[in-house]
Amino acid sequence: MYALRQEQGKANFTAPRNQSPLIDPAVIRAAGQIYYTHCEVHPEIAGQPSGVAINRVTYRGKVIFTNQPVLLPQECFVPLSQIESHMY
């Protein structure tokens, strides 16, 4: 009974591998600011970042260089391609 109730409360919010998840435009803008600030402050860092891990509530985040980031419960990952496409 307890296991059944626990399963009912769970919802799978992960997007399929071939489809990117929908991200709030404000979160994408904040991720873009984090990314471009990082580029201005640290021009000496070589390597292509994969995106930004950002807290959906506080909009604090970090530039990520790995392909599979480990996220905290309130964080989401904004890929660099989505940040760049939001600029245009």
PDB file of N, CA and C in Angstrom:
ATOM      1  N   MET A   1       0.829  -1.185   0.000  1.00  0.00           N
ATOM      2  CA  MET A   1       0.000   0.000   0.000  1.00  0.00           C
ATOM      3  C   MET A   1       0.874   1.250   0.000  1.00  0.00           C
ATOM      4  N   TYR A   2       1.871   1.279   0.882  1.00  0.00           N
ATOM      5  CA  TYR A   2       2.748   2.447   0.952  1.00  0.00           C
ATOM      6  C   TYR A   2       3.516   2.637  -0.352  1.00  0.00           C
ATOM      7  N   ALA A   3       4.017   1.535  -0.919  1.00  0.00           N
ATOM      8  CA  ALA A   3       4.759   1.618  -2.178  1.00  0.00           C
ATOM      9  C   ALA A   3       3.864   2.108  -3.300  1.00  0.00           C
ATOM     10  N   LEU A   4       2.607   1.688  -3.315  1.00  0.00           N
ATOM     11  CA  LEU A   4       1.673   2.128  -4.341  1.00  0.00           C
ATOM     12  C   LEU A   4       1.421   3.623  -4.219  1.00  0.00           C
ATOM     13  N   ARG A   5       1.211   4.083  -3.017  1.00  0.00           N
ATOM     14  CA  ARG A   5       0.972   5.502  -2.785  1.00  0.00           C
ATOM     15  C   ARG A   5       2.204   6.328  -3.168  1.00  0.00           C
ATOM     16  N   GLN A   6       3.374   5.807  -2.893  1.00  0.00           N
ATOM     17  CA  GLN A   6       4.612   6.499  -3.224  1.00  0.00           C
ATOM     18  C   GLN A   6       4.769   6.619  -4.737  1.00  0.00           C
ATOM     19  N   GLU A   7       4.420   5.570  -5.471  1.00  0.00           N
ATOM     20  CA  GLU A   7       4.518   5.599  -6.932  1.00  0.00           C
ATOM     21  C   GLU A   7       3.530   6.583  -7.530  1.00  0.00           C
ATOM     22  N   GLN A   8       2.351   6.730  -6.930  1.00  0.00           N
ATOM     23  CA  GLN A   8       1.354   7.650  -7.454  1.00  0.00           C
ATOM     24  C   GLN A   8       1.812   9.091  -7.320  1.00  0.00           C
ATOM     25  N   GLY A   9       2.586   9.389  -6.300  1.00  0.00           N
ATOM     26  CA  GLY A   9       3.058  10.747  -6.083  1.00  0.00           C
ATOM     27  C   GLY A   9       4.198  11.148  -6.993  1.00  0.00           C
ATOM     28  N   LYS A  10       4.820  10.173  -7.637  1.00  0.00           N
ATOM     29  CA  LYS A  10       5.958  10.471  -8.500  1.00  0.00           C
ATOM     30  C   LYS A  10       5.464  10.832  -9.893  1.00  0.00           C
ATOM     31  N   ALA A  11       6.098  11.802 -10.476  1.00  0.00           N
ATOM     32  CA  ALA A  11       5.798  12.159 -11.862  1.00  0.00           C
ATOM     33  C   ALA A  11       7.111  12.248 -12.613  1.00  0.00           C
ATOM     34  N   ASN A  12       7.130  11.764 -13.812  1.00  0.00           N
ATOM     35  CA  ASN A  12       8.348  11.781 -14.615  1.00  0.00           C
ATOM     36  C   ASN A  12       8.336  13.024 -15.495  1.00  0.00           C
ATOM     37  N   PHE A  13       9.170  13.986 -15.181  1.00  0.00           N
ATOM     38  CA  PHE A  13       9.218  15.238 -15.914  1.00  0.00           C
ATOM     39  C   PHE A  13      10.412  15.320 -16.845  1.00  0.00           C
ATOM     40  N   THR A  14      11.083  14.225 -17.080  1.00  0.00           N
ATOM     41  CA  THR A  14      12.239  14.255 -17.965  1.00  0.00           C
ATOM     42  C   THR A  14      11.784  14.183 -19.407  1.00  0.00           C
ATOM     43  N   ALA A  15      12.420  14.973 -20.255  1.00  0.00           N
ATOM     44  CA  ALA A  15      12.090  14.984 -21.678  1.00  0.00           C
ATOM     45  C   ALA A  15      12.798  13.822 -22.371  1.00  0.00           C
ATOM     46  N   PRO A  16      12.245  13.346 -23.465  1.00  0.00           N
ATOM     47  CA  PRO A  16      12.947  12.316 -24.233  1.00  0.00           C
ATOM     48  C   PRO A  16      14.307  12.817 -24.700  1.00  0.00           C
ATOM     49  N   ARG A  17      15.220  11.895 -24.966  1.00  0.00           N
ATOM     50  CA  ARG A  17      16.587  12.259 -25.345  1.00  0.00           C
ATOM     51  C   ARG A  17      16.643  13.125 -26.602  1.00  0.00           C
ATOM     52  N   ASN A  18      15.717  12.918 -27.545  1.00  0.00           N
ATOM     53  CA  ASN A  18      15.774  13.668 -28.795  1.00  0.00           C
ATOM     54  C   ASN A  18      15.048  15.004 -28.721  1.00  0.00           C
ATOM     55  N   GLN A  19      14.461  15.335 -27.578  1.00  0.00           N
ATOM     56  CA  GLN A  19      13.722  16.578 -27.428  1.00  0.00           C
ATOM     57  C   GLN A  19      14.274  17.338 -26.223  1.00  0.00           C
ATOM     58  N   SER A  20      14.574  18.635 -26.414  1.00  0.00           N
ATOM     59  CA  SER A  20      15.088  19.417 -25.295  1.00  0.00           C
ATOM     60  C   SER A  20      13.928  19.831 -24.394  1.00  0.00           C
ATOM     61  N   PRO A  21      14.158  19.879 -23.075  1.00  0.00           N
ATOM     62  CA  PRO A  21      13.086  20.262 -22.162  1.00  0.00           C
ATOM     63  C   PRO A  21      12.761  21.748 -22.300  1.00  0.00           C
ATOM     64  N   LEU A  22      11.527  22.102 -22.003  1.00  0.00           N
ATOM     65  CA  LEU A  22      11.132  23.506 -22.041  1.00  0.00           C
ATOM     66  C   LEU A  22      11.668  24.199 -20.796  1.00  0.00           C
ATOM     67  N   ILE A  23      12.307  25.337 -21.007  1.00  0.00           N
ATOM     68  CA  ILE A  23      12.908  26.088 -19.907  1.00  0.00           C
ATOM     69  C   ILE A  23      12.336  27.494 -19.938  1.00  0.00           C
ATOM     70  N   ASP A  24      12.045  28.022 -18.769  1.00  0.00           N
ATOM     71  CA  ASP A  24      11.505  29.369 -18.628  1.00  0.00           C
ATOM     72  C   ASP A  24      12.439  30.375 -19.301  1.00  0.00           C
ATOM     73  N   PRO A  25      11.921  31.278 -20.142  1.00  0.00           N
ATOM     74  CA  PRO A  25      12.779  32.267 -20.813  1.00  0.00           C
ATOM     75  C   PRO A  25      13.587  33.138 -19.849  1.00  0.00           C
ATOM     76  N   ALA A  26      13.039  33.419 -18.665  1.00  0.00           N
ATOM     77  CA  ALA A  26      13.790  34.205 -17.677  1.00  0.00           C
ATOM     78  C   ALA A  26      15.014  33.432 -17.191  1.00  0.00           C
ATOM     79  N   VAL A  27      14.886  32.121 -17.057  1.00  0.00           N
ATOM     80  CA  VAL A  27      16.016  31.284 -16.648  1.00  0.00           C
ATOM     81  C   VAL A  27      17.066  31.266 -17.756  1.00  0.00           C
ATOM     82  N   ILE A  28      16.623  31.211 -19.015  1.00  0.00           N
ATOM     83  CA  ILE A  28      17.568  31.223 -20.138  1.00  0.00           C
ATOM     84  C   ILE A  28      18.318  32.551 -20.188  1.00  0.00           C
ATOM     85  N   ARG A  29      17.611  33.662 -19.974  1.00  0.00           N
ATOM     86  CA  ARG A  29      18.275  34.977 -19.953  1.00  0.00           C
ATOM     87  C   ARG A  29      19.299  35.057 -18.828  1.00  0.00           C
ATOM     88  N   ALA A  30      18.934  34.577 -17.639  1.00  0.00           N
ATOM     89  CA  ALA A  30      19.862  34.589 -16.502  1.00  0.00           C
ATOM     90  C   ALA A  30      21.068  33.702 -16.788  1.00  0.00           C
ATOM     91  N   ALA A  31      20.840  32.549 -17.408  1.00  0.00           N
ATOM     92  CA  ALA A  31      21.949  31.659 -17.767  1.00  0.00           C
ATOM     93  C   ALA A  31      22.861  32.332 -18.783  1.00  0.00           C
ATOM     94  N   GLY A  32      22.279  33.076 -19.714  1.00  0.00           N
ATOM     95  CA  GLY A  32      23.078  33.822 -20.688  1.00  0.00           C
ATOM     96  C   GLY A  32      23.947  34.873 -20.018  1.00  0.00           C
ATOM     97  N   GLN A  33      23.394  35.578 -19.038  1.00  0.00           N
ATOM     98  CA  GLN A  33      24.186  36.574 -18.308  1.00  0.00           C
ATOM     99  C   GLN A  33      25.331  35.908 -17.556  1.00  0.00           C
ATOM    100  N   ILE A  34      25.064  34.769 -16.938  1.00  0.00           N
ATOM    101  CA  ILE A  34      26.117  34.040 -16.222  1.00  0.00           C
ATOM    102  C   ILE A  34      27.206  33.617 -17.192  1.00  0.00           C
ATOM    103  N   TYR A  35      26.815  33.094 -18.350  1.00  0.00           N
ATOM    104  CA  TYR A  35      27.784  32.624 -19.345  1.00  0.00           C
ATOM    105  C   TYR A  35      28.631  33.779 -19.881  1.00  0.00           C
ATOM    106  N   TYR A  36      27.994  34.871 -20.273  1.00  0.00           N
ATOM    107  CA  TYR A  36      28.756  35.978 -20.851  1.00  0.00           C
ATOM    108  C   TYR A  36      29.619  36.692 -19.809  1.00  0.00           C
ATOM    109  N   THR A  37      29.167  36.761 -18.562  1.00  0.00           N
ATOM    110  CA  THR A  37      30.010  37.306 -17.492  1.00  0.00           C
ATOM    111  C   THR A  37      31.230  36.420 -17.290  1.00  0.00           C
ATOM    112  N   HIS A  38      31.027  35.110 -17.320  1.00  0.00           N
ATOM    113  CA  HIS A  38      32.146  34.167 -17.195  1.00  0.00           C
ATOM    114  C   HIS A  38      33.157  34.391 -18.324  1.00  0.00           C
ATOM    115  N   CYS A  39      32.667  34.575 -19.546  1.00  0.00           N
ATOM    116  CA  CYS A  39      33.568  34.789 -20.691  1.00  0.00           C
ATOM    117  C   CYS A  39      34.367  36.081 -20.550  1.00  0.00           C
ATOM    118  N   GLU A  40      33.747  37.127 -20.008  1.00  0.00           N
ATOM    119  CA  GLU A  40      34.440  38.402 -19.829  1.00  0.00           C
ATOM    120  C   GLU A  40      35.463  38.332 -18.704  1.00  0.00           C
ATOM    121  N   VAL A  41      35.121  37.678 -17.614  1.00  0.00           N
ATOM    122  CA  VAL A  41      35.989  37.638 -16.437  1.00  0.00           C
ATOM    123  C   VAL A  41      37.122  36.631 -16.602  1.00  0.00           C
ATOM    124  N   HIS A  42      36.864  35.533 -17.317  1.00  0.00           N
ATOM    125  CA  HIS A  42      37.855  34.464 -17.470  1.00  0.00           C
ATOM    126  C   HIS A  42      38.160  34.185 -18.938  1.00  0.00           C
ATOM    127  N   PRO A  43      38.739  35.131 -19.664  1.00  0.00           N
ATOM    128  CA  PRO A  43      39.036  34.876 -21.086  1.00  0.00           C
ATOM    129  C   PRO A  43      40.158  33.855 -21.276  1.00  0.00           C
ATOM    130  N   GLU A  44      40.937  33.604 -20.229  1.00  0.00           N
ATOM    131  CA  GLU A  44      42.077  32.693 -20.345  1.00  0.00           C
ATOM    132  C   GLU A  44      41.670  31.221 -20.279  1.00  0.00           C
ATOM    133  N   ILE A  45      40.456  30.931 -19.861  1.00  0.00           N
ATOM    134  CA  ILE A  45      40.022  29.535 -19.738  1.00  0.00           C
ATOM    135  C   ILE A  45      39.703  28.984 -21.121  1.00  0.00           C
ATOM    136  N   ALA A  46      40.440  27.938 -21.485  1.00  0.00           N
ATOM    137  CA  ALA A  46      40.234  27.299 -22.786  1.00  0.00           C
ATOM    138  C   ALA A  46      39.220  26.171 -22.634  1.00  0.00           C
ATOM    139  N   GLY A  47      38.610  25.816 -23.712  1.00  0.00           N
ATOM    140  CA  GLY A  47      37.630  24.731 -23.687  1.00  0.00           C
ATOM    141  C   GLY A  47      36.233  25.252 -23.925  1.00  0.00           C
ATOM    142  N   GLN A  48      35.424  24.418 -24.514  1.00  0.00           N
ATOM    143  CA  GLN A  48      34.051  24.795 -24.828  1.00  0.00           C
ATOM    144  C   GLN A  48      33.123  24.343 -23.705  1.00  0.00           C
ATOM    145  N   PRO A  49      32.439  25.286 -23.042  1.00  0.00           N
ATOM    146  CA  PRO A  49      31.482  24.868 -22.019  1.00  0.00           C
ATOM    147  C   PRO A  49      30.276  24.187 -22.661  1.00  0.00           C
ATOM    148  N   SER A  50      29.636  23.310 -21.905  1.00  0.00           N
ATOM    149  CA  SER A  50      28.447  22.640 -22.432  1.00  0.00           C
ATOM    150  C   SER A  50      27.173  23.395 -22.072  1.00  0.00           C
ATOM    151  N   GLY A  51      27.246  24.270 -21.072  1.00  0.00           N
ATOM    152  CA  GLY A  51      26.076  25.053 -20.695  1.00  0.00           C
ATOM    153  C   GLY A  51      26.207  25.621 -19.299  1.00  0.00           C
ATOM    154  N   VAL A  52      25.062  25.950 -18.713  1.00  0.00           N
ATOM    155  CA  VAL A  52      25.019  26.564 -17.387  1.00  0.00           C
ATOM    156  C   VAL A  52      24.039  25.780 -16.517  1.00  0.00           C
ATOM    157  N   ALA A  53      24.473  25.433 -15.311  1.00  0.00           N
ATOM    158  CA  ALA A  53      23.581  24.860 -14.302  1.00  0.00           C
ATOM    159  C   ALA A  53      23.086  26.026 -13.463  1.00  0.00           C
ATOM    160  N   ILE A  54      21.772  26.197 -13.397  1.00  0.00           N
ATOM    161  CA  ILE A  54      21.219  27.383 -12.745  1.00  0.00           C
ATOM    162  C   ILE A  54      20.066  26.997 -11.826  1.00  0.00           C
ATOM    163  N   ASN A  55      19.996  27.681 -10.683  1.00  0.00           N
ATOM    164  CA  ASN A  55      18.906  27.479  -9.738  1.00  0.00           C
ATOM    165  C   ASN A  55      17.674  28.194 -10.285  1.00  0.00           C
ATOM    166  N   ARG A  56      16.553  27.483 -10.400  1.00  0.00           N
ATOM    167  CA  ARG A  56      15.336  28.056 -10.980  1.00  0.00           C
ATOM    168  C   ARG A  56      14.687  29.097 -10.090  1.00  0.00           C
ATOM    169  N   VAL A  57      15.045  29.145  -8.811  1.00  0.00           N
ATOM    170  CA  VAL A  57      14.440  30.092  -7.878  1.00  0.00           C
ATOM    171  C   VAL A  57      15.301  31.340  -7.719  1.00  0.00           C
ATOM    172  N   THR A  58      16.593  31.153  -7.454  1.00  0.00           N
ATOM    173  CA  THR A  58      17.475  32.288  -7.171  1.00  0.00           C
ATOM    174  C   THR A  58      18.222  32.796  -8.391  1.00  0.00           C
ATOM    175  N   TYR A  59      18.210  32.034  -9.499  1.00  0.00           N
ATOM    176  CA  TYR A  59      18.936  32.365 -10.737  1.00  0.00           C
ATOM    177  C   TYR A  59      20.446  32.430 -10.536  1.00  0.00           C
ATOM    178  N   ARG A  60      20.954  31.781  -9.511  1.00  0.00           N
ATOM    179  CA  ARG A  60      22.406  31.653  -9.350  1.00  0.00           C
ATOM    180  C   ARG A  60      22.847  30.413 -10.083  1.00  0.00           C
ATOM    181  N   GLY A  61      24.013  30.483 -10.732  1.00  0.00           N
ATOM    182  CA  GLY A  61      24.447  29.324 -11.486  1.00  0.00           C
ATOM    183  C   GLY A  61      25.931  29.314 -11.764  1.00  0.00           C
ATOM    184  N   LYS A  62      26.360  28.266 -12.432  1.00  0.00           N
ATOM    185  CA  LYS A  62      27.771  28.085 -12.785  1.00  0.00           C
ATOM    186  C   LYS A  62      27.870  27.556 -14.199  1.00  0.00           C
ATOM    187  N   VAL A  63      28.948  27.955 -14.869  1.00  0.00           N
ATOM    188  CA  VAL A  63      29.238  27.439 -16.200  1.00  0.00           C
ATOM    189  C   VAL A  63      29.755  26.013 -16.045  1.00  0.00           C
ATOM    190  N   ILE A  64      29.241  25.105 -16.861  1.00  0.00           N
ATOM    191  CA  ILE A  64      29.551  23.681 -16.772  1.00  0.00           C
ATOM    192  C   ILE A  64      30.315  23.249 -18.017  1.00  0.00           C
ATOM    193  N   PHE A  65      31.350  22.435 -17.814  1.00  0.00           N
ATOM    194  CA  PHE A  65      32.180  21.965 -18.923  1.00  0.00           C
ATOM    195  C   PHE A  65      32.012  20.472 -19.190  1.00  0.00           C
ATOM    196  N   THR A  66      31.174  19.773 -18.425  1.00  0.00           N
ATOM    197  CA  THR A  66      30.947  18.345 -18.648  1.00  0.00           C
ATOM    198  C   THR A  66      29.641  18.145 -19.406  1.00  0.00           C
ATOM    199  N   ASN A  67      29.511  17.002 -20.056  1.00  0.00           N
ATOM    200  CA  ASN A  67      28.305  16.742 -20.842  1.00  0.00           C
ATOM    201  C   ASN A  67      27.125  16.280 -20.001  1.00  0.00           C
ATOM    202  N   GLN A  68      27.373  15.609 -18.896  1.00  0.00           N
ATOM    203  CA  GLN A  68      26.306  15.104 -18.029  1.00  0.00           C
ATOM    204  C   GLN A  68      26.451  15.712 -16.632  1.00  0.00           C
ATOM    205  N   PRO A  69      25.981  16.941 -16.417  1.00  0.00           N
ATOM    206  CA  PRO A  69      26.146  17.563 -15.101  1.00  0.00           C
ATOM    207  C   PRO A  69      25.239  16.921 -14.052  1.00  0.00           C
ATOM    208  N   VAL A  70      25.700  16.938 -12.827  1.00  0.00           N
ATOM    209  CA  VAL A  70      24.901  16.480 -11.693  1.00  0.00           C
ATOM    210  C   VAL A  70      24.256  17.723 -11.099  1.00  0.00           C
ATOM    211  N   LEU A  71      22.929  17.707 -11.019  1.00  0.00           N
ATOM    212  CA  LEU A  71      22.192  18.894 -10.599  1.00  0.00           C
ATOM    213  C   LEU A  71      21.542  18.696  -9.237  1.00  0.00           C
ATOM    214  N   LEU A  72      21.412  19.792  -8.507  1.00  0.00           N
ATOM    215  CA  LEU A  72      20.657  19.794  -7.263  1.00  0.00           C
ATOM    216  C   LEU A  72      19.168  19.830  -7.605  1.00  0.00           C
ATOM    217  N   PRO A  73      18.290  19.518  -6.648  1.00  0.00           N
ATOM    218  CA  PRO A  73      16.855  19.436  -6.964  1.00  0.00           C
ATOM    219  C   PRO A  73      16.244  20.698  -7.576  1.00  0.00           C
ATOM    220  N   GLN A  74      16.680  21.883  -7.178  1.00  0.00           N
ATOM    221  CA  GLN A  74      16.089  23.105  -7.722  1.00  0.00           C
ATOM    222  C   GLN A  74      16.837  23.634  -8.938  1.00  0.00           C
ATOM    223  N   GLU A  75      17.828  22.913  -9.423  1.00  0.00           N
ATOM    224  CA  GLU A  75      18.610  23.377 -10.561  1.00  0.00           C
ATOM    225  C   GLU A  75      18.110  22.774 -11.862  1.00  0.00           C
ATOM    226  N   CYS A  76      18.396  23.478 -12.940  1.00  0.00           N
ATOM    227  CA  CYS A  76      18.182  22.924 -14.269  1.00  0.00           C
ATOM    228  C   CYS A  76      19.424  23.246 -15.091  1.00  0.00           C
ATOM    229  N   PHE A  77      19.591  22.523 -16.178  1.00  0.00           N
ATOM    230  CA  PHE A  77      20.745  22.705 -17.044  1.00  0.00           C
ATOM    231  C   PHE A  77      20.281  23.376 -18.327  1.00  0.00           C
ATOM    232  N   VAL A  78      20.927  24.498 -18.663  1.00  0.00           N
ATOM    233  CA  VAL A  78      20.626  25.207 -19.906  1.00  0.00           C
ATOM    234  C   VAL A  78      21.809  24.990 -20.836  1.00  0.00           C
ATOM    235  N   PRO A  79      21.618  24.237 -21.926  1.00  0.00           N
ATOM    236  CA  PRO A  79      22.729  23.990 -22.847  1.00  0.00           C
ATOM    237  C   PRO A  79      23.163  25.269 -23.545  1.00  0.00           C
ATOM    238  N   LEU A  80      24.430  25.319 -23.908  1.00  0.00           N
ATOM    239  CA  LEU A  80      24.984  26.498 -24.573  1.00  0.00           C
ATOM    240  C   LEU A  80      24.235  26.799 -25.868  1.00  0.00           C
ATOM    241  N   SER A  81      23.820  25.779 -26.594  1.00  0.00           N
ATOM    242  CA  SER A  81      23.082  25.997 -27.842  1.00  0.00           C
ATOM    243  C   SER A  81      21.776  26.744 -27.594  1.00  0.00           C
ATOM    244  N   GLN A  82      21.120  26.469 -26.475  1.00  0.00           N
ATOM    245  CA  GLN A  82      19.871  27.151 -26.158  1.00  0.00           C
ATOM    246  C   GLN A  82      20.134  28.591 -25.723  1.00  0.00           C
ATOM    247  N   ILE A  83      21.238  28.825 -25.030  1.00  0.00           N
ATOM    248  CA  ILE A  83      21.599  30.189 -24.632  1.00  0.00           C
ATOM    249  C   ILE A  83      21.886  31.024 -25.867  1.00  0.00           C
ATOM    250  N   GLU A  84      22.664  30.467 -26.790  1.00  0.00           N
ATOM    251  CA  GLU A  84      23.031  31.214 -27.992  1.00  0.00           C
ATOM    252  C   GLU A  84      21.838  31.437 -28.908  1.00  0.00           C
ATOM    253  N   SER A  85      20.942  30.472 -29.027  1.00  0.00           N
ATOM    254  CA  SER A  85      19.783  30.649 -29.905  1.00  0.00           C
ATOM    255  C   SER A  85      18.788  31.642 -29.323  1.00  0.00           C
ATOM    256  N   HIS A  86      18.797  31.820 -28.011  1.00  0.00           N
ATOM    257  CA  HIS A  86      17.891  32.774 -27.374  1.00  0.00           C
ATOM    258  C   HIS A  86      18.331  34.210 -27.628  1.00  0.00           C
ATOM    259  N   MET A  87      19.584  34.397 -27.994  1.00  0.00           N
ATOM    260  CA  MET A  87      20.101  35.742 -28.263  1.00  0.00           C
ATOM    261  C   MET A  87      19.536  36.314 -29.558  1.00  0.00           C
ATOM    262  N   TYR A  88      19.123  35.478 -30.484  1.00  0.00           N
ATOM    263  CA  TYR A  88      18.704  35.958 -31.809  1.00  0.00           C
ATOM    264  C   TYR A  88      17.224  35.894 -32.011  1.00  0.00           C
TER     265      TYR A  88
END
